[in-house]
Amino acid sequence: MRGIAVIGGEGPKPAVYRSMAKEADIVLAADSGLAAAEDAGLFPDWIVGDMDSLDDPGRLEKYPPERIRRFPRDKDYTDTELALSCLWEQGCAEIWLAGGGGGRADHLFAIRSLFEREPCPDRWITAREDMRCVRARGELNLTLIPGSLVSVFPLGDGPWDAGSSGLKWPLGGCVWNRGSFGISNIAVDGHCSVHAAKGKFLVIVPLAD
């Protein structure tokens, strides 16, 4: 099953949320992500978080209490971590995050760090970026606007080895270490792929309209 977690922070346009929801088995909102979901016309299956940034607590009244998991503000996990745990508990083998852009740098780093873990999210969509996790022996095929930027970061413990097609600077033969990155590569004609021979990688491309 595929789960979508709508989280706080800058997210895509409402139409993108709706499109994502059509591809999901479960839609979950984390804290202020509930406002973003409802503004896009979505009514989540689950709601989790401490609700400290939810604009109107009255939004919760229309949902069954058993589908709301409310936590104290002083807790050991972020609302996004709680969202992931809930979706995994429901049997979701694939999880996309929607939102989480802009705002505080520590929040951005915290979400980025979730991809270092295993299990981890599979995709993260903000207002401007579409980020995908490519695991060992996996391949990501993309159709982008010609000339789009493609950036690649190694994740986890390694070792890492990657290959590619359709990029101006091929990834094959690159030496990856912790802290390495390949930013601002170019999808020459818009059709490209990234293959993770070893390790896992985060691939970042612009979010298309």
N, C-alpha and C. Protein backbone atom coordinates (compact mmCIF):
# COMPACT_ATOMS: atom_id res chain seq x y z
N MET A 1 0.83 -1.20 0.00
CA MET A 1 0.00 0.00 0.00
C MET A 1 0.87 1.25 0.00
N ARG A 2 0.32 2.32 -0.54
CA ARG A 2 1.02 3.60 -0.56
C ARG A 2 0.30 4.57 0.36
N GLY A 3 1.07 5.24 1.21
CA GLY A 3 0.52 6.24 2.11
C GLY A 3 1.09 7.61 1.81
N ILE A 4 0.27 8.63 1.91
CA ILE A 4 0.69 10.02 1.72
C ILE A 4 0.57 10.73 3.06
N ALA A 5 1.65 11.34 3.51
CA ALA A 5 1.63 12.13 4.74
C ALA A 5 1.73 13.60 4.37
N VAL A 6 0.67 14.35 4.62
CA VAL A 6 0.67 15.79 4.39
C VAL A 6 1.17 16.45 5.66
N ILE A 7 2.32 17.11 5.59
CA ILE A 7 2.96 17.68 6.77
C ILE A 7 2.99 19.20 6.68
N GLY A 8 3.34 19.85 7.80
CA GLY A 8 3.39 21.31 7.82
C GLY A 8 4.54 21.84 6.97
N GLY A 9 4.52 23.13 6.71
CA GLY A 9 5.54 23.74 5.88
C GLY A 9 5.05 23.93 4.46
N GLU A 10 5.88 24.54 3.62
CA GLU A 10 5.48 24.85 2.26
C GLU A 10 5.31 23.57 1.45
N GLY A 11 4.16 23.46 0.81
CA GLY A 11 3.87 22.29 0.01
C GLY A 11 3.46 22.67 -1.39
N PRO A 12 3.12 21.68 -2.20
CA PRO A 12 2.74 21.95 -3.59
C PRO A 12 1.37 22.60 -3.70
N LYS A 13 0.96 22.89 -4.91
CA LYS A 13 -0.35 23.48 -5.15
C LYS A 13 -1.45 22.46 -4.82
N PRO A 14 -2.66 22.94 -4.48
CA PRO A 14 -3.75 22.02 -4.14
C PRO A 14 -3.98 20.93 -5.18
N ALA A 15 -3.84 21.25 -6.46
CA ALA A 15 -4.06 20.25 -7.50
C ALA A 15 -3.07 19.10 -7.38
N VAL A 16 -1.85 19.41 -6.93
CA VAL A 16 -0.84 18.35 -6.78
C VAL A 16 -1.21 17.45 -5.61
N TYR A 17 -1.68 18.04 -4.50
CA TYR A 17 -2.15 17.22 -3.38
C TYR A 17 -3.26 16.28 -3.84
N ARG A 18 -4.19 16.80 -4.61
CA ARG A 18 -5.31 15.96 -5.06
C ARG A 18 -4.83 14.85 -5.98
N SER A 19 -3.89 15.17 -6.84
CA SER A 19 -3.35 14.17 -7.74
C SER A 19 -2.63 13.07 -6.96
N MET A 20 -1.87 13.47 -5.94
CA MET A 20 -1.17 12.49 -5.11
C MET A 20 -2.16 11.60 -4.38
N ALA A 21 -3.23 12.20 -3.86
CA ALA A 21 -4.21 11.43 -3.10
C ALA A 21 -4.86 10.35 -3.95
N LYS A 22 -5.02 10.61 -5.25
CA LYS A 22 -5.62 9.62 -6.14
C LYS A 22 -4.73 8.38 -6.29
N GLU A 23 -3.44 8.56 -6.02
CA GLU A 23 -2.50 7.44 -6.14
C GLU A 23 -2.23 6.77 -4.81
N ALA A 24 -2.95 7.18 -3.75
CA ALA A 24 -2.67 6.69 -2.41
C ALA A 24 -3.79 5.78 -1.90
N ASP A 25 -3.41 4.84 -1.03
CA ASP A 25 -4.38 4.02 -0.33
C ASP A 25 -4.81 4.69 0.98
N ILE A 26 -3.89 5.44 1.60
CA ILE A 26 -4.17 6.13 2.86
C ILE A 26 -3.60 7.54 2.78
N VAL A 27 -4.38 8.51 3.19
CA VAL A 27 -3.91 9.90 3.31
C VAL A 27 -3.92 10.26 4.79
N LEU A 28 -2.79 10.73 5.27
CA LEU A 28 -2.63 11.13 6.67
C LEU A 28 -2.21 12.59 6.72
N ALA A 29 -2.68 13.30 7.73
CA ALA A 29 -2.25 14.68 7.95
C ALA A 29 -1.54 14.77 9.29
N ALA A 30 -0.41 15.46 9.30
CA ALA A 30 0.35 15.67 10.53
C ALA A 30 0.24 17.13 10.93
N ASP A 31 -0.42 17.37 12.06
CA ASP A 31 -0.55 18.71 12.64
C ASP A 31 -1.09 19.70 11.60
N SER A 32 -0.34 20.77 11.30
CA SER A 32 -0.86 21.80 10.38
C SER A 32 -1.01 21.29 8.95
N GLY A 33 -0.51 20.09 8.69
CA GLY A 33 -0.77 19.48 7.40
C GLY A 33 -2.25 19.26 7.16
N LEU A 34 -3.02 19.21 8.25
CA LEU A 34 -4.47 19.05 8.11
C LEU A 34 -5.07 20.23 7.35
N ALA A 35 -4.61 21.44 7.65
CA ALA A 35 -5.12 22.62 6.95
C ALA A 35 -4.79 22.56 5.47
N ALA A 36 -3.56 22.14 5.15
CA ALA A 36 -3.16 22.04 3.75
C ALA A 36 -3.99 20.99 3.02
N ALA A 37 -4.24 19.87 3.70
CA ALA A 37 -5.04 18.81 3.08
C ALA A 37 -6.47 19.28 2.83
N GLU A 38 -7.08 19.89 3.84
CA GLU A 38 -8.46 20.33 3.67
C GLU A 38 -8.57 21.45 2.66
N ASP A 39 -7.58 22.34 2.61
CA ASP A 39 -7.61 23.42 1.62
C ASP A 39 -7.54 22.87 0.20
N ALA A 40 -7.02 21.65 0.06
CA ALA A 40 -6.97 21.00 -1.25
C ALA A 40 -8.19 20.12 -1.49
N GLY A 41 -9.12 20.14 -0.54
CA GLY A 41 -10.34 19.35 -0.70
C GLY A 41 -10.21 17.92 -0.23
N LEU A 42 -9.17 17.63 0.56
CA LEU A 42 -8.96 16.27 1.05
C LEU A 42 -9.39 16.15 2.51
N PHE A 43 -9.88 14.97 2.87
CA PHE A 43 -10.23 14.68 4.25
C PHE A 43 -9.47 13.42 4.66
N PRO A 44 -8.37 13.60 5.40
CA PRO A 44 -7.44 12.50 5.70
C PRO A 44 -8.09 11.35 6.46
N ASP A 45 -7.50 10.17 6.25
CA ASP A 45 -7.94 8.98 6.96
C ASP A 45 -7.43 8.96 8.40
N TRP A 46 -6.25 9.56 8.61
CA TRP A 46 -5.64 9.64 9.93
C TRP A 46 -5.10 11.05 10.16
N ILE A 47 -5.06 11.46 11.42
CA ILE A 47 -4.48 12.74 11.81
C ILE A 47 -3.61 12.49 13.03
N VAL A 48 -2.36 12.94 12.98
CA VAL A 48 -1.44 12.73 14.10
C VAL A 48 -0.71 14.03 14.42
N GLY A 49 -0.16 14.10 15.62
CA GLY A 49 0.66 15.24 16.01
C GLY A 49 0.24 15.86 17.32
N ASP A 50 0.98 16.90 17.71
CA ASP A 50 0.64 17.60 18.95
C ASP A 50 -0.32 18.75 18.71
N MET A 51 -0.58 19.08 17.46
CA MET A 51 -1.54 20.09 17.03
C MET A 51 -1.18 21.49 17.51
N ASP A 52 0.09 21.72 17.80
CA ASP A 52 0.49 23.03 18.31
C ASP A 52 0.53 24.09 17.22
N SER A 53 0.59 23.68 15.95
CA SER A 53 0.62 24.65 14.86
C SER A 53 -0.63 24.58 13.98
N LEU A 54 -1.63 23.84 14.40
CA LEU A 54 -2.88 23.77 13.66
C LEU A 54 -3.63 25.07 13.82
N ASP A 55 -4.04 25.69 12.73
CA ASP A 55 -4.64 27.01 12.79
C ASP A 55 -5.97 27.03 13.53
N ASP A 56 -6.74 25.97 13.43
CA ASP A 56 -8.06 25.93 14.07
C ASP A 56 -8.31 24.52 14.61
N PRO A 57 -8.23 24.34 15.93
CA PRO A 57 -8.48 23.02 16.52
C PRO A 57 -9.86 22.47 16.17
N GLY A 58 -10.79 23.36 15.80
CA GLY A 58 -12.12 22.93 15.44
C GLY A 58 -12.15 22.04 14.21
N ARG A 59 -11.06 22.08 13.42
CA ARG A 59 -10.98 21.21 12.25
C ARG A 59 -11.08 19.73 12.65
N LEU A 60 -10.65 19.42 13.86
CA LEU A 60 -10.61 18.01 14.29
C LEU A 60 -11.99 17.45 14.59
N GLU A 61 -12.97 18.32 14.81
CA GLU A 61 -14.27 17.87 15.29
C GLU A 61 -15.03 17.02 14.27
N LYS A 62 -14.69 17.15 12.99
CA LYS A 62 -15.43 16.40 11.97
C LYS A 62 -14.89 15.00 11.75
N TYR A 63 -13.81 14.63 12.47
CA TYR A 63 -13.19 13.34 12.26
C TYR A 63 -13.46 12.39 13.44
N PRO A 64 -13.57 11.09 13.19
CA PRO A 64 -13.77 10.12 14.28
C PRO A 64 -12.61 10.17 15.26
N PRO A 65 -12.87 10.22 16.55
CA PRO A 65 -11.80 10.31 17.54
C PRO A 65 -10.77 9.19 17.41
N GLU A 66 -11.21 8.00 17.00
CA GLU A 66 -10.27 6.88 16.90
C GLU A 66 -9.30 7.04 15.74
N ARG A 67 -9.54 8.01 14.86
CA ARG A 67 -8.62 8.27 13.75
C ARG A 67 -7.70 9.46 14.03
N ILE A 68 -7.75 9.98 15.25
CA ILE A 68 -6.89 11.09 15.64
C ILE A 68 -5.93 10.62 16.72
N ARG A 69 -4.66 10.77 16.48
CA ARG A 69 -3.64 10.43 17.47
C ARG A 69 -2.98 11.72 17.92
N ARG A 70 -3.36 12.16 19.10
CA ARG A 70 -2.86 13.43 19.61
C ARG A 70 -1.79 13.18 20.66
N PHE A 71 -0.70 13.93 20.57
CA PHE A 71 0.44 13.73 21.44
C PHE A 71 0.76 15.03 22.19
N PRO A 72 1.41 14.93 23.36
CA PRO A 72 1.84 16.15 24.06
C PRO A 72 2.90 16.90 23.27
N ARG A 73 2.97 18.19 23.49
CA ARG A 73 3.96 19.00 22.75
C ARG A 73 5.38 18.58 23.11
N ASP A 74 5.62 18.27 24.39
CA ASP A 74 6.94 17.80 24.82
C ASP A 74 7.00 16.30 24.59
N LYS A 75 7.60 15.91 23.48
CA LYS A 75 7.66 14.51 23.10
C LYS A 75 9.01 14.21 22.46
N ASP A 76 9.28 12.93 22.26
CA ASP A 76 10.58 12.52 21.75
C ASP A 76 10.64 12.42 20.24
N TYR A 77 9.49 12.55 19.56
CA TYR A 77 9.46 12.38 18.12
C TYR A 77 8.78 13.57 17.46
N THR A 78 9.22 13.89 16.25
CA THR A 78 8.56 14.96 15.50
C THR A 78 7.22 14.46 14.96
N ASP A 79 6.39 15.41 14.56
CA ASP A 79 5.10 15.03 13.98
C ASP A 79 5.29 14.20 12.70
N THR A 80 6.35 14.50 11.95
CA THR A 80 6.60 13.73 10.74
C THR A 80 7.00 12.29 11.07
N GLU A 81 7.80 12.11 12.11
CA GLU A 81 8.15 10.76 12.55
C GLU A 81 6.91 9.99 12.98
N LEU A 82 6.01 10.67 13.70
CA LEU A 82 4.77 10.02 14.13
C LEU A 82 3.91 9.64 12.93
N ALA A 83 3.92 10.49 11.91
CA ALA A 83 3.16 10.19 10.69
C ALA A 83 3.70 8.94 10.01
N LEU A 84 5.02 8.86 9.89
CA LEU A 84 5.62 7.68 9.27
C LEU A 84 5.28 6.42 10.05
N SER A 85 5.39 6.48 11.37
CA SER A 85 5.10 5.31 12.20
C SER A 85 3.66 4.85 12.02
N CYS A 86 2.74 5.80 11.98
CA CYS A 86 1.33 5.46 11.81
C CYS A 86 1.09 4.77 10.46
N LEU A 87 1.68 5.30 9.40
CA LEU A 87 1.47 4.72 8.08
C LEU A 87 2.11 3.34 7.97
N TRP A 88 3.28 3.16 8.56
CA TRP A 88 3.88 1.83 8.55
C TRP A 88 3.01 0.84 9.33
N GLU A 89 2.44 1.31 10.44
CA GLU A 89 1.55 0.44 11.23
C GLU A 89 0.33 0.01 10.42
N GLN A 90 -0.12 0.87 9.53
CA GLN A 90 -1.29 0.55 8.71
C GLN A 90 -0.94 -0.34 7.52
N GLY A 91 0.32 -0.68 7.38
CA GLY A 91 0.73 -1.59 6.32
C GLY A 91 1.24 -0.94 5.06
N CYS A 92 1.54 0.36 5.11
CA CYS A 92 2.04 1.06 3.92
C CYS A 92 3.51 0.68 3.69
N ALA A 93 3.79 0.13 2.54
CA ALA A 93 5.15 -0.22 2.18
C ALA A 93 5.86 0.92 1.46
N GLU A 94 5.08 1.88 0.97
CA GLU A 94 5.62 3.04 0.26
C GLU A 94 4.98 4.29 0.85
N ILE A 95 5.82 5.28 1.19
CA ILE A 95 5.31 6.50 1.82
C ILE A 95 5.88 7.73 1.13
N TRP A 96 4.96 8.65 0.79
CA TRP A 96 5.34 9.94 0.24
C TRP A 96 5.05 11.02 1.28
N LEU A 97 5.95 11.98 1.41
CA LEU A 97 5.74 13.17 2.23
C LEU A 97 5.37 14.33 1.32
N ALA A 98 4.38 15.12 1.71
CA ALA A 98 3.99 16.30 0.95
C ALA A 98 3.99 17.50 1.88
N GLY A 99 4.77 18.54 1.54
CA GLY A 99 4.91 19.70 2.41
C GLY A 99 6.31 19.72 3.00
N GLY A 100 6.48 20.50 4.07
CA GLY A 100 7.76 20.52 4.76
C GLY A 100 8.81 21.43 4.17
N GLY A 101 8.46 22.22 3.15
CA GLY A 101 9.44 23.12 2.57
C GLY A 101 9.49 24.45 3.30
N GLY A 102 10.54 25.24 3.01
CA GLY A 102 10.67 26.57 3.61
C GLY A 102 10.80 26.50 5.12
N GLY A 103 10.54 27.61 5.79
CA GLY A 103 10.52 27.62 7.25
C GLY A 103 11.88 27.43 7.88
N ARG A 104 11.88 26.81 9.05
CA ARG A 104 13.09 26.67 9.85
C ARG A 104 14.05 25.66 9.25
N ALA A 105 15.34 26.02 9.29
CA ALA A 105 16.36 25.13 8.74
C ALA A 105 16.44 23.82 9.49
N ASP A 106 16.23 23.86 10.82
CA ASP A 106 16.34 22.61 11.58
C ASP A 106 15.23 21.63 11.19
N HIS A 107 14.04 22.15 10.84
CA HIS A 107 12.98 21.27 10.37
C HIS A 107 13.36 20.60 9.05
N LEU A 108 13.96 21.38 8.14
CA LEU A 108 14.39 20.83 6.86
C LEU A 108 15.45 19.74 7.06
N PHE A 109 16.43 20.01 7.92
CA PHE A 109 17.47 19.02 8.18
C PHE A 109 16.89 17.77 8.84
N ALA A 110 15.90 17.95 9.71
CA ALA A 110 15.29 16.80 10.38
C ALA A 110 14.60 15.89 9.38
N ILE A 111 13.85 16.49 8.43
CA ILE A 111 13.18 15.66 7.42
C ILE A 111 14.22 15.00 6.52
N ARG A 112 15.22 15.75 6.12
CA ARG A 112 16.30 15.18 5.30
C ARG A 112 16.95 13.99 6.01
N SER A 113 17.11 14.09 7.33
CA SER A 113 17.75 13.01 8.08
C SER A 113 16.92 11.73 8.10
N LEU A 114 15.61 11.87 7.94
CA LEU A 114 14.76 10.68 7.93
C LEU A 114 15.12 9.74 6.79
N PHE A 115 15.65 10.30 5.69
CA PHE A 115 16.02 9.47 4.55
C PHE A 115 17.30 8.69 4.79
N GLU A 116 18.05 9.05 5.83
CA GLU A 116 19.26 8.30 6.17
C GLU A 116 18.92 6.99 6.86
N ARG A 117 17.70 6.89 7.38
CA ARG A 117 17.30 5.74 8.17
C ARG A 117 16.78 4.61 7.28
N GLU A 118 16.55 3.48 7.91
CA GLU A 118 15.89 2.37 7.24
C GLU A 118 14.94 1.71 8.24
N PRO A 119 13.65 1.70 7.95
CA PRO A 119 13.02 2.18 6.73
C PRO A 119 13.00 3.71 6.66
N CYS A 120 12.73 4.22 5.49
CA CYS A 120 12.70 5.66 5.29
C CYS A 120 11.59 5.99 4.30
N PRO A 121 11.22 7.26 4.18
CA PRO A 121 10.23 7.64 3.16
C PRO A 121 10.77 7.34 1.76
N ASP A 122 9.87 7.27 0.81
CA ASP A 122 10.26 7.01 -0.57
C ASP A 122 10.30 8.27 -1.42
N ARG A 123 9.53 9.28 -0.99
CA ARG A 123 9.43 10.49 -1.81
C ARG A 123 9.06 11.67 -0.92
N TRP A 124 9.54 12.86 -1.29
CA TRP A 124 9.24 14.08 -0.54
C TRP A 124 8.98 15.20 -1.55
N ILE A 125 7.78 15.75 -1.51
CA ILE A 125 7.40 16.81 -2.45
C ILE A 125 7.12 18.09 -1.67
N THR A 126 7.84 19.15 -2.01
CA THR A 126 7.63 20.45 -1.39
C THR A 126 6.98 21.38 -2.42
N ALA A 127 7.04 22.67 -2.17
CA ALA A 127 6.44 23.61 -3.12
C ALA A 127 7.23 23.68 -4.42
N ARG A 128 8.51 23.33 -4.39
CA ARG A 128 9.36 23.51 -5.57
C ARG A 128 10.12 22.25 -5.98
N GLU A 129 10.28 21.29 -5.06
CA GLU A 129 11.13 20.15 -5.34
C GLU A 129 10.37 18.83 -5.27
N ASP A 130 10.86 17.88 -6.05
CA ASP A 130 10.39 16.50 -6.01
C ASP A 130 11.61 15.64 -5.73
N MET A 131 11.62 14.98 -4.56
CA MET A 131 12.78 14.22 -4.10
C MET A 131 12.43 12.75 -3.97
N ARG A 132 13.28 11.89 -4.51
CA ARG A 132 13.02 10.45 -4.51
C ARG A 132 14.20 9.70 -3.90
N CYS A 133 13.88 8.67 -3.15
CA CYS A 133 14.90 7.77 -2.63
C CYS A 133 15.06 6.61 -3.60
N VAL A 134 16.30 6.37 -4.03
CA VAL A 134 16.60 5.25 -4.91
C VAL A 134 17.48 4.27 -4.13
N ARG A 135 16.96 3.09 -3.91
CA ARG A 135 17.67 2.09 -3.11
C ARG A 135 18.56 1.20 -3.97
N ALA A 136 19.44 0.46 -3.30
CA ALA A 136 20.39 -0.41 -3.99
C ALA A 136 19.69 -1.31 -5.00
N ARG A 137 20.24 -1.36 -6.18
CA ARG A 137 19.74 -2.14 -7.31
C ARG A 137 18.41 -1.61 -7.84
N GLY A 138 18.08 -0.40 -7.46
CA GLY A 138 16.87 0.25 -7.96
C GLY A 138 17.22 1.30 -9.00
N GLU A 139 16.24 1.64 -9.81
CA GLU A 139 16.45 2.64 -10.87
C GLU A 139 15.28 3.60 -10.90
N LEU A 140 15.59 4.87 -11.04
CA LEU A 140 14.58 5.92 -11.15
C LEU A 140 14.63 6.49 -12.55
N ASN A 141 13.51 6.39 -13.27
CA ASN A 141 13.40 6.95 -14.61
C ASN A 141 12.55 8.21 -14.55
N LEU A 142 13.04 9.29 -15.14
CA LEU A 142 12.38 10.58 -15.05
C LEU A 142 12.16 11.19 -16.43
N THR A 143 11.03 11.87 -16.57
CA THR A 143 10.76 12.68 -17.75
C THR A 143 10.56 14.11 -17.27
N LEU A 144 11.51 14.97 -17.60
CA LEU A 144 11.54 16.34 -17.09
C LEU A 144 11.54 17.33 -18.26
N ILE A 145 11.42 18.59 -17.94
CA ILE A 145 11.62 19.63 -18.94
C ILE A 145 13.09 19.60 -19.36
N PRO A 146 13.39 19.57 -20.65
CA PRO A 146 14.79 19.56 -21.08
C PRO A 146 15.61 20.66 -20.40
N GLY A 147 16.77 20.28 -19.93
CA GLY A 147 17.64 21.23 -19.25
C GLY A 147 17.39 21.33 -17.76
N SER A 148 16.45 20.53 -17.22
CA SER A 148 16.16 20.58 -15.78
C SER A 148 17.37 20.14 -14.97
N LEU A 149 17.49 20.71 -13.79
CA LEU A 149 18.58 20.35 -12.88
C LEU A 149 18.24 19.06 -12.15
N VAL A 150 19.27 18.24 -11.97
CA VAL A 150 19.14 16.98 -11.24
C VAL A 150 20.29 16.91 -10.24
N SER A 151 19.97 16.76 -8.96
CA SER A 151 21.00 16.68 -7.93
C SER A 151 20.89 15.34 -7.20
N VAL A 152 22.05 14.80 -6.81
CA VAL A 152 22.10 13.46 -6.23
C VAL A 152 22.95 13.49 -4.97
N PHE A 153 22.42 12.87 -3.89
CA PHE A 153 23.12 12.80 -2.62
C PHE A 153 23.13 11.35 -2.13
N PRO A 154 24.28 10.85 -1.67
CA PRO A 154 24.29 9.50 -1.09
C PRO A 154 23.60 9.50 0.27
N LEU A 155 22.94 8.38 0.58
CA LEU A 155 22.23 8.23 1.85
C LEU A 155 22.73 6.99 2.58
N GLY A 156 22.55 6.99 3.90
CA GLY A 156 22.86 5.80 4.68
C GLY A 156 24.35 5.59 4.87
N ASP A 157 24.72 4.31 5.07
CA ASP A 157 26.09 3.98 5.47
C ASP A 157 27.01 3.64 4.30
N GLY A 158 26.46 3.39 3.12
CA GLY A 158 27.32 3.01 2.01
C GLY A 158 27.75 1.55 2.11
N PRO A 159 28.63 1.07 1.22
CA PRO A 159 29.27 1.83 0.14
C PRO A 159 28.27 2.23 -0.94
N TRP A 160 28.68 3.20 -1.79
CA TRP A 160 27.79 3.74 -2.80
C TRP A 160 28.40 3.59 -4.20
N ASP A 161 27.52 3.30 -5.13
CA ASP A 161 27.93 3.26 -6.54
C ASP A 161 26.67 3.55 -7.35
N ALA A 162 26.78 4.47 -8.30
CA ALA A 162 25.61 4.87 -9.07
C ALA A 162 25.95 4.97 -10.55
N GLY A 163 24.92 4.78 -11.37
CA GLY A 163 25.05 4.98 -12.79
C GLY A 163 23.91 5.86 -13.28
N SER A 164 23.98 6.32 -14.50
CA SER A 164 22.94 7.21 -14.99
C SER A 164 22.88 7.15 -16.51
N SER A 165 21.79 7.68 -17.04
CA SER A 165 21.68 7.91 -18.48
C SER A 165 20.95 9.23 -18.67
N GLY A 166 21.25 9.92 -19.74
CA GLY A 166 20.56 11.17 -20.05
C GLY A 166 21.02 12.38 -19.28
N LEU A 167 22.04 12.26 -18.43
CA LEU A 167 22.57 13.41 -17.69
C LEU A 167 23.81 13.96 -18.40
N LYS A 168 24.01 15.25 -18.30
CA LYS A 168 25.17 15.88 -18.95
C LYS A 168 26.47 15.31 -18.41
N TRP A 169 26.52 15.09 -17.08
CA TRP A 169 27.70 14.51 -16.45
C TRP A 169 27.32 13.15 -15.88
N PRO A 170 27.72 12.05 -16.51
CA PRO A 170 27.34 10.71 -16.06
C PRO A 170 27.81 10.44 -14.63
N LEU A 171 27.01 9.64 -13.91
CA LEU A 171 27.34 9.30 -12.53
C LEU A 171 28.26 8.10 -12.44
N GLY A 172 28.31 7.30 -13.50
CA GLY A 172 29.17 6.13 -13.49
C GLY A 172 30.63 6.52 -13.29
N GLY A 173 31.30 5.82 -12.38
CA GLY A 173 32.71 6.11 -12.10
C GLY A 173 32.93 7.14 -11.03
N CYS A 174 31.89 7.84 -10.60
CA CYS A 174 32.05 8.82 -9.52
C CYS A 174 32.34 8.10 -8.20
N VAL A 175 33.20 8.69 -7.40
CA VAL A 175 33.53 8.15 -6.08
C VAL A 175 32.67 8.87 -5.05
N TRP A 176 31.89 8.09 -4.31
CA TRP A 176 30.98 8.66 -3.31
C TRP A 176 31.47 8.33 -1.92
N ASN A 177 31.51 9.32 -1.07
CA ASN A 177 31.82 9.15 0.35
C ASN A 177 30.77 9.88 1.15
N ARG A 178 30.74 9.63 2.45
CA ARG A 178 29.82 10.38 3.30
C ARG A 178 30.12 11.87 3.17
N GLY A 179 29.12 12.65 2.90
CA GLY A 179 29.31 14.08 2.70
C GLY A 179 29.47 14.46 1.24
N SER A 180 29.56 13.46 0.35
CA SER A 180 29.65 13.77 -1.09
C SER A 180 28.30 14.21 -1.61
N PHE A 181 28.31 14.89 -2.73
CA PHE A 181 27.06 15.25 -3.40
C PHE A 181 27.37 15.61 -4.85
N GLY A 182 26.33 15.49 -5.66
CA GLY A 182 26.43 15.91 -7.06
C GLY A 182 25.25 16.82 -7.35
N ILE A 183 25.49 18.12 -7.38
CA ILE A 183 24.38 19.06 -7.57
C ILE A 183 24.46 19.71 -8.95
N SER A 184 23.29 20.17 -9.40
CA SER A 184 23.18 20.93 -10.65
C SER A 184 23.63 20.17 -11.87
N ASN A 185 23.43 18.84 -11.87
CA ASN A 185 23.58 18.10 -13.12
C ASN A 185 22.41 18.50 -14.03
N ILE A 186 22.44 18.09 -15.26
CA ILE A 186 21.43 18.55 -16.22
C ILE A 186 20.84 17.37 -16.98
N ALA A 187 19.51 17.31 -17.01
CA ALA A 187 18.81 16.34 -17.86
C ALA A 187 18.74 16.94 -19.26
N VAL A 188 19.65 16.53 -20.12
CA VAL A 188 19.88 17.21 -21.39
C VAL A 188 18.60 17.32 -22.23
N ASP A 189 17.96 16.18 -22.51
CA ASP A 189 16.73 16.24 -23.32
C ASP A 189 15.48 15.99 -22.48
N GLY A 190 15.67 15.94 -21.16
CA GLY A 190 14.54 15.76 -20.26
C GLY A 190 14.30 14.32 -19.84
N HIS A 191 14.83 13.37 -20.59
CA HIS A 191 14.66 11.95 -20.25
C HIS A 191 15.96 11.46 -19.61
N CYS A 192 15.88 10.99 -18.38
CA CYS A 192 17.09 10.56 -17.69
C CYS A 192 16.75 9.48 -16.68
N SER A 193 17.79 8.82 -16.20
CA SER A 193 17.61 7.80 -15.17
C SER A 193 18.80 7.80 -14.25
N VAL A 194 18.55 7.37 -13.01
CA VAL A 194 19.60 7.19 -12.01
C VAL A 194 19.48 5.78 -11.47
N HIS A 195 20.57 5.04 -11.51
CA HIS A 195 20.59 3.65 -11.04
C HIS A 195 21.52 3.56 -9.83
N ALA A 196 21.01 2.98 -8.75
CA ALA A 196 21.82 2.77 -7.55
C ALA A 196 22.37 1.35 -7.58
N ALA A 197 23.62 1.20 -7.95
CA ALA A 197 24.23 -0.12 -7.97
C ALA A 197 24.52 -0.60 -6.55
N LYS A 198 24.96 0.32 -5.70
CA LYS A 198 25.21 0.02 -4.29
C LYS A 198 24.73 1.21 -3.46
N GLY A 199 24.27 0.93 -2.26
CA GLY A 199 23.81 2.00 -1.36
C GLY A 199 22.51 2.60 -1.84
N LYS A 200 22.14 3.71 -1.22
CA LYS A 200 20.92 4.41 -1.64
C LYS A 200 21.22 5.88 -1.81
N PHE A 201 20.39 6.55 -2.61
CA PHE A 201 20.62 7.93 -2.99
C PHE A 201 19.32 8.72 -2.93
N LEU A 202 19.45 10.02 -2.69
CA LEU A 202 18.34 10.96 -2.78
C LEU A 202 18.52 11.76 -4.06
N VAL A 203 17.53 11.69 -4.93
CA VAL A 203 17.57 12.41 -6.20
C VAL A 203 16.56 13.56 -6.13
N ILE A 204 17.04 14.77 -6.42
CA ILE A 204 16.22 15.97 -6.30
C ILE A 204 16.07 16.62 -7.67
N VAL A 205 14.82 16.83 -8.07
CA VAL A 205 14.52 17.51 -9.34
C VAL A 205 13.47 18.58 -9.08
N PRO A 206 13.30 19.53 -10.01
CA PRO A 206 12.26 20.53 -9.83
C PRO A 206 10.88 19.89 -9.90
N LEU A 207 9.94 20.41 -9.12
CA LEU A 207 8.57 19.93 -9.17
C LEU A 207 7.87 20.56 -10.37
N ALA A 208 7.40 19.72 -11.26
CA ALA A 208 6.74 20.22 -12.46
C ALA A 208 5.33 20.67 -12.14
N ASP A 209 4.82 21.68 -12.85
CA ASP A 209 3.44 22.12 -12.67
C ASP A 209 2.46 21.04 -13.12
